[in-house]
Protein backbone atom coordinates (compact mmCIF):
# COMPACT_ATOMS: atom_id res chain seq x y z
CA MET A 1 0.40 4.65 13.88
CA GLY A 2 3.17 7.18 13.49
CA LEU A 3 6.08 6.98 11.16
CA LYS A 4 9.32 5.92 12.79
CA PRO A 5 12.70 7.41 11.89
CA LEU A 6 14.20 5.79 8.79
CA SER A 7 17.74 4.60 8.48
CA ILE A 8 19.40 5.77 5.30
CA ARG A 9 21.47 2.57 5.36
CA LYS A 10 18.34 0.40 5.27
CA MET A 11 16.95 2.54 2.47
CA GLU A 12 20.17 2.05 0.52
CA ASP A 13 19.64 -1.72 0.77
CA ARG A 14 16.56 -1.28 -1.44
CA THR A 15 18.09 1.18 -3.90
CA LYS A 16 21.40 3.00 -4.19
CA ASP A 17 19.71 6.29 -5.10
CA VAL A 18 17.91 7.95 -2.18
CA TYR A 19 16.06 10.28 -4.54
CA GLU A 20 14.71 7.28 -6.44
CA ALA A 21 13.47 5.85 -3.14
CA VAL A 22 11.65 9.09 -2.33
CA VAL A 23 9.99 9.15 -5.76
CA VAL A 24 8.90 5.52 -5.47
CA MET A 25 7.42 6.08 -2.01
CA SER A 26 5.65 9.29 -3.02
CA LYS A 27 4.11 7.69 -6.11
CA ARG A 28 2.93 4.75 -4.00
CA ALA A 29 1.40 7.16 -1.47
CA LYS A 30 -0.53 8.83 -4.30
CA GLN A 31 -1.78 5.42 -5.47
CA VAL A 32 -2.97 4.52 -1.97
CA LEU A 33 -4.75 7.87 -1.64
CA ASN A 34 -6.43 7.51 -5.04
CA ASN A 35 -7.57 3.98 -4.13
CA ARG A 36 -9.09 5.25 -0.88
CA ILE A 37 -10.90 8.07 -2.68
CA MET A 38 -12.29 5.67 -5.28
CA GLU A 39 -13.47 3.24 -2.59
CA LYS A 40 -15.17 6.08 -0.72
CA MET A 41 -16.89 7.27 -3.90
CA MET A 42 -18.05 3.76 -4.71
CA ASP A 43 -19.31 3.22 -1.18
CA ALA A 44 -21.22 6.49 -1.22
CA ALA A 45 -22.97 5.43 -4.45
CA ILE A 46 -23.95 8.97 -5.34
CA GLU A 47 -25.81 8.86 -8.64
CA ASP A 48 -25.47 12.55 -9.49
CA VAL A 49 -21.68 12.57 -9.66
CA GLU A 50 -20.40 13.82 -12.97
CA MET A 51 -16.70 13.93 -13.74
CA GLY A 52 -15.82 13.66 -10.05
CA VAL A 53 -17.69 16.84 -9.08
CA TYR A 54 -20.14 16.69 -6.21
CA ASP A 55 -23.22 18.87 -6.20
CA GLN A 56 -24.04 18.11 -2.58
CA VAL A 57 -22.00 18.05 0.57
CA VAL A 58 -22.40 14.71 2.31
CA ASP A 59 -22.75 15.04 6.07
CA GLU A 60 -20.83 12.42 7.96
CA ASN A 61 -21.46 11.47 11.54
CA PRO A 62 -18.28 11.93 13.65
CA GLU A 63 -19.13 8.74 15.52
CA ASP A 64 -18.82 6.76 12.27
CA TYR A 65 -15.30 8.05 11.62
CA VAL A 66 -12.70 5.31 11.25
CA GLU A 67 -9.11 6.47 11.41
CA SER A 68 -6.94 4.78 8.83
CA GLU A 69 -3.19 4.72 8.53
CA LYS A 70 -1.69 7.69 6.71
CA VAL A 71 -0.82 7.07 3.08
CA THR A 72 2.80 8.13 3.56
CA THR A 73 3.18 5.65 6.41
CA VAL A 74 1.70 2.88 4.26
CA ALA A 75 4.01 3.72 1.36
CA VAL A 76 7.16 3.94 3.47
CA ASN A 77 6.38 0.70 5.30
CA GLU A 78 5.72 -1.12 2.01
CA PHE A 79 9.00 0.21 0.61
CA MET A 80 11.05 -0.74 3.66
CA ASP A 81 9.44 -4.21 3.81
CA GLY A 82 10.36 -4.84 0.17
CA LYS A 83 6.75 -5.08 -1.02
CA LEU A 84 7.17 -2.55 -3.85
CA GLU A 85 8.58 -3.29 -7.26
CA TRP A 86 9.53 -0.62 -9.75
CA GLY A 87 11.57 -0.12 -12.84
CA GLU A 88 12.71 2.65 -15.07
CA SER A 89 10.44 3.48 -17.95
CA GLU A 90 11.96 3.92 -21.36
CA VAL A 91 12.05 7.48 -22.59
CA GLU A 92 11.09 7.92 -26.22
CA SER A 93 13.16 10.42 -28.16
């Protein structure tokens, strides 16, 4: 489940700018994390949630814990496999 060393050469196959690659992967990692949080909130079905603030701490059984792949690993793997598409947004002046 760990992240393997990345070859800069393979990264340059996807984009010529390494900094752009890092930004794309980090934004994708944030999307994956936000999706997981939303799924967890929807699964919990807490009715007293207002504006994303919880009034109660939900106790979770350690035996029910399911380890999922880290969001950075997911984002990097998607980037290296060519599953991500991105473009530059137009800046209004």
